[in-house]
Amino acid sequence: MKKSLLLILPLLFFISCGGPDNQTKKEKLLHQQYSEFCREIHNQKKNHDEKLAEFVKNMPLEEKIAQLFIENLEGNVRFRSFETLGAINGSDDKRPLVAGGYLYFSYNIAESREQMKAYNQSVMDYCDDYGIIHPFLSVDQEGGWVSRLKKLNDRLPSNEDVAANYSIPQAYSLYSVQAEQMADLGFHMNLAPVIEVCTDDNREFLDGRSFGSLEQVLSFGRACINGYENCGIATVVKHFPGNTNTDPHTGLPEITLSKEDLEKSIESFKKLLELKPAALLMSHARTSAVDSGVPACLSSVWVTDILRNEWAYDGLIFSDDIFMGALADNGYPPEKAVVMAVDAGIDCIMISEKRFARPASVLYKKALSDSDFASKIDRAVCRILMYKENAGLWSLDSVDSDSSNS
């Protein structure tokens, strides 16, 4: 069928330009074959999505909730889980609790490429031993001073340096090489690039992490996203809908732009999301013009109304770290933030701590008593597993195969 499509596609332009009255029998046949191919693909996707939704529906609630978290992990030698599923549901279940994804900090980076590969492989081996869905392994490899893999990979300049000193083809090559090196180490995802436009309101905080003007962000952001994604590393564009010079690790950024100016400031996100990057990371900023008083990563207006419904973005949406001072010190402790995040439509909840059972247990109790909330968890897990299937971390076909053999 794929071969048939390759034969049909080059002729579609001529078929459409000729008009129905001028089409030859051969052209009409090709048009019919293409239409049948499209219907088949649509039906295959529909069947797959229905099977995935059914699989997620039947997953134990504790395992679903675990998929929602991306957390930090211990050491850099051999992986093991330090919490159990029983810590979520209050039982004596001793099965290990493994997050949907892991975020590596500098102390998780081994001294050599061989040691790093071995550690990352130990995560997968551990999950295989316990029959757990593989987590995605991610790292902040933006460039410049945010380069977790600087000991292991080629030097990666900051976004600001790239925009000043590289052509677009050179930038694409730079990021492609980084992606190949990351994939070789066993990583799946890069929490980059920053695609905020640099302004006087955020320059101090971003500190070289922006490509610069809107034109520069669009050009070099496209090269960066494509360079990584085309070489098998998922990108997580950030931080939507922006930041100020207030550091969210210690304070809550307040964006006071008018609605018109705010819409202009997020144009880089709107344009680059058309590339369908794997994920987007929300900021903690509050915007006075849109859902004022609510941090963006906890706002259903920003996450669901704008990103999902208005912009039709269907990738993963991450919260920023819910342990940051921006939330914890301003009336949003982790136990409250996790519920608001899921309610808003967040798929992946980021926690910089090495334990997530306590906030996960809050979601567990909420889901047991609120069917709408439980449905939001299911939809998030479907998106996470869809990403993992595309990334080769999990397969619905293998689940079907296991069921048929049991």
Protein backbone atom coordinates (compact mmCIF):
# COMPACT_ATOMS: atom_id res chain seq x y z
CA MET A 1 0.00 0.00 0.00
CA LYS A 2 2.85 2.43 0.80
CA LYS A 3 4.37 1.72 -2.61
CA SER A 4 1.05 2.55 -4.24
CA LEU A 5 0.95 5.86 -2.40
CA LEU A 6 4.42 6.79 -3.63
CA LEU A 7 3.25 6.19 -7.19
CA ILE A 8 0.07 8.19 -6.70
CA LEU A 9 1.32 11.29 -4.86
CA PRO A 10 3.40 12.83 -7.68
CA LEU A 11 0.36 12.79 -9.94
CA LEU A 12 -2.08 14.37 -7.51
CA PHE A 13 -1.11 17.90 -8.43
CA PHE A 14 -1.85 17.32 -12.08
CA ILE A 15 -5.08 15.51 -11.29
CA SER A 16 -6.38 18.33 -9.08
CA CYS A 17 -5.35 21.01 -11.59
CA GLY A 18 -7.03 19.26 -14.49
CA GLY A 19 -10.49 19.42 -12.97
CA PRO A 20 -13.02 16.56 -12.89
CA ASP A 21 -14.14 17.08 -16.48
CA ASN A 22 -10.61 16.82 -17.85
CA GLN A 23 -9.44 13.78 -15.88
CA THR A 24 -8.51 10.69 -17.82
CA LYS A 25 -9.63 7.24 -16.73
CA LYS A 26 -6.15 6.59 -15.38
CA GLU A 27 -6.19 9.79 -13.35
CA LYS A 28 -9.63 8.94 -11.94
CA LEU A 29 -8.36 5.50 -10.97
CA LEU A 30 -5.34 7.00 -9.21
CA HIS A 31 -7.60 9.45 -7.41
CA GLN A 32 -9.82 6.59 -6.27
CA GLN A 33 -6.83 4.56 -5.07
CA TYR A 34 -5.50 7.52 -3.12
CA SER A 35 -8.90 8.12 -1.51
CA GLU A 36 -9.10 4.45 -0.53
CA PHE A 37 -5.60 4.64 0.93
CA CYS A 38 -6.56 7.68 3.02
CA ARG A 39 -9.69 5.94 4.29
CA GLU A 40 -7.65 2.89 5.24
CA ILE A 41 -5.11 4.98 7.13
CA HIS A 42 -7.92 6.84 8.89
CA ASN A 43 -9.61 3.58 9.89
CA GLN A 44 -6.34 2.09 11.10
CA LYS A 45 -5.67 5.13 13.28
CA LYS A 46 -9.22 5.11 14.62
CA ASN A 47 -8.96 1.41 15.52
CA HIS A 48 -5.57 1.95 17.13
CA ASP A 49 -6.80 4.91 19.19
CA GLU A 50 -9.84 2.96 20.36
CA LYS A 51 -7.64 0.02 21.42
CA LEU A 52 -5.28 2.39 23.22
CA ALA A 53 -8.16 4.07 25.06
CA GLU A 54 -9.47 0.65 26.11
CA PHE A 55 -6.02 -0.41 27.31
CA VAL A 56 -5.64 2.75 29.38
CA LYS A 57 -9.16 2.39 30.79
CA ASN A 58 -8.23 -1.04 32.13
CA MET A 59 -4.85 -0.04 33.60
CA PRO A 60 -4.64 0.01 37.41
CA LEU A 61 -5.20 3.58 38.60
CA GLU A 62 -1.85 3.65 40.43
CA GLU A 63 0.01 2.79 37.24
CA LYS A 64 -1.87 5.43 35.27
CA ILE A 65 -0.98 8.11 37.78
CA ALA A 66 2.68 7.07 37.77
CA GLN A 67 2.75 7.75 34.03
CA LEU A 68 1.84 11.40 34.68
CA PHE A 69 5.03 12.24 36.54
CA ILE A 70 8.49 13.19 35.37
CA GLU A 71 10.86 13.26 38.35
CA ASN A 72 14.52 13.32 39.22
CA LEU A 73 16.33 10.05 39.97
CA GLU A 74 19.12 8.72 42.19
CA GLY A 75 22.79 8.54 41.26
CA ASN A 76 24.39 7.58 37.96
CA VAL A 77 25.54 3.98 38.41
CA ARG A 78 22.57 1.63 38.62
CA PHE A 79 18.87 2.45 38.72
CA ARG A 80 16.39 1.29 41.30
CA SER A 81 13.08 2.58 42.61
CA PHE A 82 12.85 3.68 46.24
CA GLU A 83 9.05 3.85 46.43
CA THR A 84 6.27 1.33 45.93
CA LEU A 85 2.81 1.41 44.37
CA GLY A 86 1.45 0.86 47.87
CA ALA A 87 2.63 4.36 48.78
CA ILE A 88 0.03 5.71 46.37
CA ASN A 89 -2.97 3.62 47.37
CA GLY A 90 -2.10 3.11 51.05
CA SER A 91 -1.74 -0.67 50.70
CA ASP A 92 1.13 -3.10 51.32
CA ASP A 93 1.74 -3.44 47.55
CA LYS A 94 5.54 -3.74 47.28
CA ARG A 95 5.79 -3.46 43.51
CA PRO A 96 8.23 -0.69 42.56
CA LEU A 97 6.90 2.75 41.65
CA VAL A 98 8.45 4.03 38.41
CA ALA A 99 7.64 7.43 36.92
CA GLY A 100 6.48 7.97 33.37
CA GLY A 101 9.69 9.87 32.72
CA TYR A 102 12.92 10.94 34.39
CA LEU A 103 14.82 14.23 34.34
CA TYR A 104 18.60 14.10 34.76
CA PHE A 105 20.54 16.76 36.64
CA SER A 106 24.32 17.22 36.63
CA TYR A 107 24.87 14.68 39.43
CA ASN A 108 23.08 12.04 37.32
CA ILE A 109 25.59 12.40 34.49
CA ALA A 110 28.31 9.72 34.56
CA GLU A 111 32.01 10.37 33.98
CA SER A 112 32.17 8.52 30.66
CA ARG A 113 29.88 7.73 27.77
CA GLU A 114 30.14 4.01 28.52
CA GLN A 115 29.04 4.54 32.14
CA MET A 116 26.19 6.79 31.02
CA LYS A 117 24.95 4.21 28.52
CA ALA A 118 25.13 1.50 31.19
CA TYR A 119 23.15 3.57 33.69
CA ASN A 120 20.44 4.43 31.17
CA GLN A 121 20.22 0.80 30.12
CA SER A 122 19.86 -0.20 33.77
CA VAL A 123 16.63 1.86 33.89
CA MET A 124 15.20 -0.16 31.03
CA ASP A 125 16.46 -3.47 32.41
CA TYR A 126 14.90 -2.71 35.80
CA CYS A 127 11.53 -2.01 34.16
CA ASP A 128 11.78 -5.20 32.10
CA ASP A 129 12.44 -7.21 35.27
CA TYR A 130 9.21 -5.91 36.83
CA GLY A 131 7.06 -5.68 33.71
CA ILE A 132 6.85 -1.89 33.84
CA ILE A 133 6.34 0.39 30.84
CA HIS A 134 9.65 2.03 29.96
CA PRO A 135 10.00 5.66 31.09
CA PHE A 136 11.37 8.33 28.78
CA LEU A 137 14.77 9.69 29.81
CA SER A 138 15.20 13.43 29.46
CA VAL A 139 17.81 16.09 30.11
CA ASP A 140 18.20 19.86 29.81
CA GLN A 141 20.65 20.18 26.93
CA GLU A 142 19.87 23.70 25.77
CA GLY A 143 23.42 24.86 25.18
CA GLY A 144 25.63 27.45 26.84
CA TRP A 145 25.44 27.32 30.61
CA VAL A 146 22.47 24.90 30.50
CA SER A 147 24.34 21.88 29.15
CA ARG A 148 23.97 18.83 31.36
CA LEU A 149 25.93 16.65 28.91
CA LYS A 150 28.90 18.97 28.49
CA LYS A 151 31.28 16.28 29.82
CA LEU A 152 30.08 13.70 27.30
CA ASN A 153 28.88 15.46 24.14
CA ASP A 154 30.44 17.95 21.77
CA ARG A 155 30.35 21.56 22.95
CA LEU A 156 26.92 23.13 22.44
CA PRO A 157 26.82 26.96 22.30
CA SER A 158 23.97 28.92 23.82
CA ASN A 159 20.98 29.84 21.68
CA GLU A 160 22.17 33.43 21.65
CA ASP A 161 25.62 32.37 20.39
CA VAL A 162 24.13 30.12 17.72
CA ALA A 163 21.94 32.91 16.37
CA ALA A 164 24.93 35.27 16.26
CA ASN A 165 27.53 32.95 14.75
CA TYR A 166 25.84 30.15 12.80
CA SER A 167 23.92 29.93 9.55
CA ILE A 168 20.61 28.03 9.58
CA PRO A 169 22.15 24.94 7.88
CA GLN A 170 25.05 25.02 10.34
CA ALA A 171 22.62 25.23 13.26
CA TYR A 172 20.61 22.29 11.94
CA SER A 173 23.82 20.24 11.65
CA LEU A 174 24.90 21.28 15.16
CA TYR A 175 21.64 20.10 16.72
CA SER A 176 21.51 16.95 14.61
CA VAL A 177 24.92 15.89 15.93
CA GLN A 178 23.81 16.59 19.50
CA ALA A 179 20.70 14.48 18.92
CA GLU A 180 22.75 11.57 17.57
CA GLN A 181 25.06 11.75 20.59
CA MET A 182 22.13 11.94 23.02
CA ALA A 183 20.39 8.98 21.39
CA ASP A 184 23.62 6.99 21.52
CA LEU A 185 23.74 7.56 25.28
CA GLY A 186 20.19 6.25 25.65
CA PHE A 187 18.29 9.51 26.08
CA HIS A 188 14.93 10.08 24.41
CA MET A 189 14.06 13.70 25.08
CA ASN A 190 15.68 17.13 25.34
CA LEU A 191 13.96 19.80 27.41
CA ALA A 192 14.82 22.39 24.77
CA PRO A 193 14.76 24.69 22.94
CA VAL A 194 13.68 27.88 24.66
CA ILE A 195 11.58 29.63 22.00
CA GLU A 196 10.71 32.77 23.91
CA VAL A 197 11.57 36.01 22.13
CA CYS A 198 14.14 38.01 24.10
CA THR A 199 12.88 41.36 25.41
CA ASP A 200 13.85 43.82 28.13
CA ASP A 201 11.23 42.13 30.30
CA ASN A 202 12.92 38.70 30.28
CA ARG A 203 16.52 39.25 29.11
CA GLU A 204 18.05 39.09 32.59
CA PHE A 205 16.31 35.83 33.45
CA LEU A 206 16.88 34.10 30.09
CA ASP A 207 20.54 35.11 30.09
CA GLY A 208 21.46 33.92 26.58
CA ARG A 209 18.91 31.10 26.41
CA SER A 210 16.82 32.86 23.72
CA PHE A 211 17.73 32.98 20.03
CA GLY A 212 16.79 36.67 20.10
CA SER A 213 14.19 38.43 17.94
CA LEU A 214 11.01 36.83 16.63
CA GLU A 215 12.64 36.28 13.24
CA GLN A 216 15.70 34.64 14.86
CA VAL A 217 13.58 32.48 17.16
CA LEU A 218 11.48 31.23 14.26
CA SER A 219 14.47 30.49 12.00
CA PHE A 220 16.84 28.95 14.53
CA GLY A 221 14.04 27.39 16.58
CA ARG A 222 12.88 25.54 13.47
CA ALA A 223 16.43 24.32 12.79
CA CYS A 224 16.77 23.17 16.40
CA ILE A 225 13.43 21.35 16.60
CA ASN A 226 13.95 19.64 13.25
CA GLY A 227 17.57 18.79 14.00
CA TYR A 228 16.64 16.91 17.17
CA GLU A 229 13.32 15.40 16.11
CA ASN A 230 14.63 14.17 12.74
CA CYS A 231 17.36 12.29 14.60
CA GLY A 232 15.09 10.62 17.15
CA ILE A 233 15.24 13.02 20.10
CA ALA A 234 11.96 14.57 21.22
CA THR A 235 12.00 18.31 21.84
CA VAL A 236 10.17 20.11 24.63
CA VAL A 237 9.73 23.74 23.58
CA LYS A 238 9.54 26.18 26.48
CA HIS A 239 8.45 28.19 28.46
CA PHE A 240 4.86 28.96 27.38
CA PRO A 241 3.45 31.63 27.53
CA GLY A 242 6.69 33.28 28.64
CA ASN A 243 8.63 34.67 31.57
CA THR A 244 9.72 37.92 33.15
CA ASN A 245 12.99 38.79 34.87
CA THR A 246 11.61 37.21 38.05
CA ASP A 247 13.25 33.83 38.59
CA PRO A 248 10.43 31.26 39.06
CA HIS A 249 12.70 29.23 41.34
CA THR A 250 12.22 31.96 43.93
CA GLY A 251 9.28 34.13 42.84
CA LEU A 252 6.13 34.20 40.74
CA PRO A 253 6.56 35.95 37.36
CA GLU A 254 3.77 38.41 36.53
CA ILE A 255 3.30 39.22 32.83
CA THR A 256 1.38 42.51 32.68
CA LEU A 257 1.18 42.90 28.88
CA SER A 258 -2.12 43.90 27.30
CA LYS A 259 -3.96 41.10 25.51
CA GLU A 260 -2.85 42.44 22.14
CA ASP A 261 0.81 42.63 23.18
CA LEU A 262 0.59 39.25 24.88
CA GLU A 263 -0.67 37.65 21.67
CA LYS A 264 2.28 39.17 19.81
CA SER A 265 4.71 37.88 22.44
CA ILE A 266 3.58 34.26 21.98
CA GLU A 267 3.68 34.32 18.18
CA SER A 268 6.89 32.26 18.22
CA PHE A 269 5.08 29.44 20.01
CA LYS A 270 2.07 29.56 17.72
CA LYS A 271 4.26 29.35 14.60
CA LEU A 272 6.72 26.71 15.83
CA LEU A 273 4.02 24.44 17.23
CA GLU A 274 2.98 23.94 13.61
CA LEU A 275 6.11 21.74 13.37
CA LYS A 276 4.45 19.36 15.86
CA PRO A 277 7.30 19.14 18.39
CA ALA A 278 6.79 16.22 20.77
CA ALA A 279 6.12 18.38 23.81
CA LEU A 280 5.72 21.85 25.25
CA LEU A 281 6.59 23.03 28.75
CA MET A 282 4.43 25.60 30.53
CA SER A 283 5.83 28.40 32.62
CA HIS A 284 4.67 29.40 36.10
CA ALA A 285 3.97 32.96 34.96
CA ARG A 286 0.63 34.62 35.58
CA THR A 287 -0.77 36.81 32.81
CA SER A 288 -3.00 39.72 33.79
CA ALA A 289 -4.71 39.71 30.37
CA VAL A 290 -5.61 35.99 30.32
CA ASP A 291 -6.92 34.02 33.32
CA SER A 292 -5.30 36.47 35.71
CA GLY A 293 -4.33 35.17 39.11
CA VAL A 294 -3.68 31.60 37.94
CA PRO A 295 -0.15 30.37 37.01
CA ALA A 296 -0.14 29.34 33.34
CA CYS A 297 0.86 25.74 34.08
CA LEU A 298 -2.28 25.40 36.25
CA SER A 299 -4.62 27.30 33.92
CA SER A 300 -7.23 25.44 31.89
CA VAL A 301 -7.59 28.58 29.75
CA TRP A 302 -3.95 28.45 28.63
CA VAL A 303 -3.58 24.67 28.50
CA THR A 304 -6.94 23.44 27.20
CA ASP A 305 -8.76 26.42 25.69
CA ILE A 306 -5.80 27.95 23.88
CA LEU A 307 -3.23 25.20 23.27
CA ARG A 308 -5.56 22.25 22.75
CA ASN A 309 -8.72 23.77 21.35
CA GLU A 310 -7.72 27.02 19.64
CA TRP A 311 -4.24 26.03 18.42
CA ALA A 312 -5.04 22.30 17.99
CA TYR A 313 -1.74 21.23 19.56
CA ASP A 314 -1.88 17.48 20.26
CA GLY A 315 1.59 16.81 21.71
CA LEU A 316 2.50 16.38 25.36
CA ILE A 317 2.11 19.36 27.67
CA PHE A 318 4.43 19.57 30.68
CA SER A 319 4.10 21.65 33.80
CA ASP A 320 7.26 23.29 35.04
CA ASP A 321 8.64 21.98 38.33
CA ILE A 322 5.82 22.13 40.88
CA PHE A 323 8.37 22.35 43.72
CA MET A 324 9.63 25.74 42.50
CA GLY A 325 9.14 28.70 44.80
CA ALA A 326 6.87 30.34 42.22
CA LEU A 327 4.14 27.87 43.20
CA ALA A 328 5.08 26.49 46.61
CA ASP A 329 5.55 29.96 48.17
CA ASN A 330 2.44 31.52 46.63
CA GLY A 331 -0.43 29.33 47.75
CA TYR A 332 0.16 26.35 45.46
CA PRO A 333 1.86 23.58 47.45
CA PRO A 334 2.56 20.37 45.47
CA GLU A 335 -0.54 18.58 46.79
CA LYS A 336 -2.74 21.41 45.47
CA ALA A 337 -0.73 22.06 42.31
CA VAL A 338 -0.94 18.48 41.03
CA VAL A 339 -4.73 18.48 41.12
CA MET A 340 -4.94 21.87 39.41
CA ALA A 341 -2.43 20.73 36.77
CA VAL A 342 -4.47 17.66 35.81
CA ASP A 343 -7.68 19.69 35.87
CA ALA A 344 -6.06 22.21 33.53
CA GLY A 345 -5.12 19.49 31.04
CA ILE A 346 -1.43 18.97 31.83
CA ASP A 347 -0.09 15.56 30.73
CA CYS A 348 3.28 15.42 32.50
CA ILE A 349 3.82 16.86 35.97
CA MET A 350 7.44 17.79 36.60
CA ILE A 351 8.88 17.23 40.07
CA SER A 352 12.55 17.93 40.79
CA GLU A 353 12.40 15.77 43.91
CA LYS A 354 13.28 12.06 43.88
CA ARG A 355 9.95 10.99 45.37
CA PHE A 356 6.47 11.54 43.94
CA ALA A 357 4.26 9.04 45.80
CA ARG A 358 2.80 11.67 48.15
CA PRO A 359 1.42 14.03 45.47
CA ALA A 360 0.49 10.96 43.40
CA SER A 361 -1.64 9.68 46.29
CA VAL A 362 -3.58 12.95 46.22
CA LEU A 363 -4.44 12.34 42.55
CA TYR A 364 -5.39 8.75 43.39
CA LYS A 365 -7.93 9.81 46.01
CA LYS A 366 -9.31 12.56 43.80
CA ALA A 367 -9.77 10.19 40.84
CA LEU A 368 -11.63 7.64 42.96
CA SER A 369 -14.28 10.22 43.88
CA ASP A 370 -14.45 12.27 40.67
CA SER A 371 -15.14 10.49 37.38
CA ASP A 372 -14.48 13.61 35.28
CA PHE A 373 -11.08 13.98 36.91
CA ALA A 374 -10.37 10.29 36.28
CA SER A 375 -11.25 10.79 32.60
CA LYS A 376 -8.71 13.62 32.37
CA ILE A 377 -6.06 11.26 33.74
CA ASP A 378 -7.01 8.68 31.10
CA ARG A 379 -6.69 11.21 28.28
CA ALA A 380 -3.28 12.32 29.52
CA VAL A 381 -2.05 8.73 29.79
CA CYS A 382 -3.25 8.03 26.25
CA ARG A 383 -1.14 10.91 24.96
CA ILE A 384 1.88 9.78 26.98
CA LEU A 385 1.64 6.20 25.72
CA MET A 386 1.12 7.42 22.17
CA TYR A 387 4.38 9.36 22.45
CA LYS A 388 6.13 6.33 23.94
CA GLU A 389 4.87 4.13 21.14
CA ASN A 390 6.19 6.57 18.53
CA ALA A 391 9.51 6.71 20.41
CA GLY A 392 9.83 2.91 20.52
CA LEU A 393 9.51 2.74 24.31
CA TRP A 394 6.29 0.74 24.35
CA SER A 395 3.98 -0.97 21.89
CA LEU A 396 0.26 -1.60 21.95
CA ASP A 397 0.87 -4.49 19.52
CA SER A 398 3.04 -6.21 22.13
CA VAL A 399 0.19 -5.93 24.64
CA ASP A 400 -2.20 -7.53 22.14
CA SER A 401 0.38 -10.27 21.47
CA ASP A 402 0.82 -10.98 25.18
CA SER A 403 -2.95 -11.19 25.64
CA SER A 404 -3.35 -13.65 22.76
CA ASN A 405 -0.59 -15.86 24.16
CA SER A 406 -1.96 -15.95 27.69
